[in-house]
């Protein structure tokens, strides 16, 4: 999967201390990519937009 055009962003809930953060790129057609901010050149997970929306929805209601 080509992620060269991915625009990565951290959650607004992430602290500014450079700690454990997940970055998400949702600007790619048909895929949402997720990676570890501590290892930006490492592996990324890819989800369909529907699967990602389902995950985020469940995470929001499970707080």
Protein backbone atom coordinates (compact mmCIF):
# COMPACT_ATOMS: atom_id res chain seq x y z
CA UNK A 1 0.00 0.00 0.00
CA UNK A 2 1.37 3.41 -0.98
CA UNK A 3 1.17 5.85 1.95
CA UNK A 4 3.40 8.56 0.48
CA UNK A 5 0.45 10.96 0.18
CA UNK A 6 -0.91 10.22 3.65
CA UNK A 7 -1.49 13.26 5.84
CA UNK A 8 -0.96 11.96 9.36
CA UNK A 9 -2.59 13.55 12.39
CA UNK A 10 -2.59 12.81 16.10
CA UNK A 11 -5.65 12.72 18.27
CA UNK A 12 -6.54 15.95 20.03
CA UNK A 13 -6.54 13.81 23.18
CA UNK A 14 -2.82 13.11 22.77
CA UNK A 15 -0.58 14.98 25.14
CA UNK A 16 2.13 17.30 23.94
CA UNK A 17 4.85 15.33 25.70
CA UNK A 18 5.72 13.10 22.72
CA UNK A 19 4.35 10.04 24.48
CA UNK A 20 2.46 7.06 23.17
CA UNK A 21 0.31 8.32 20.32
CA UNK A 22 -1.53 6.84 17.42
CA UNK A 23 -1.58 8.74 14.15
CA UNK A 24 -4.35 8.44 11.58
CA UNK A 25 -4.40 9.30 7.88
CA UNK A 26 -7.93 9.52 6.53
CA UNK A 27 -7.24 11.46 3.35
CA UNK A 28 -6.57 8.41 1.16
CA UNK A 29 -9.30 7.05 -1.12
CA UNK A 30 -10.96 3.95 0.29
CA UNK A 31 -8.62 3.45 3.25
CA UNK A 32 -7.87 4.79 6.71
CA UNK A 33 -4.29 4.17 7.80
CA UNK A 34 -3.14 4.01 11.42
CA UNK A 35 0.43 3.99 12.75
CA UNK A 36 2.48 4.38 15.92
CA UNK A 37 3.82 7.94 16.15
CA UNK A 38 7.02 6.67 17.80
CA UNK A 39 7.81 4.62 14.68
CA UNK A 40 6.60 6.65 11.68
CA UNK A 41 8.58 4.58 9.19
CA UNK A 42 7.31 1.34 10.70
CA UNK A 43 4.23 -0.64 9.78
CA UNK A 44 0.77 0.86 9.41
CA UNK A 45 -2.61 -0.79 9.71
CA UNK A 46 -5.23 -0.18 7.03
CA UNK A 47 -8.98 -0.17 7.56
CA UNK A 48 -11.95 0.49 5.34
CA UNK A 49 -13.61 3.83 6.14
CA UNK A 50 -16.70 1.93 7.37
CA UNK A 51 -14.66 -0.27 9.71
CA UNK A 52 -12.78 2.76 11.07
CA UNK A 53 -16.03 4.68 11.63
CA UNK A 54 -17.44 1.69 13.50
CA UNK A 55 -14.36 1.48 15.71
CA UNK A 56 -14.38 5.20 16.49
CA UNK A 57 -18.12 5.11 17.20
CA UNK A 58 -17.71 2.24 19.66
CA UNK A 59 -14.73 3.91 21.32
CA UNK A 60 -16.72 7.10 21.82
CA UNK A 61 -19.66 5.34 23.43
CA UNK A 62 -17.47 3.17 25.65
CA UNK A 63 -15.81 5.97 27.60
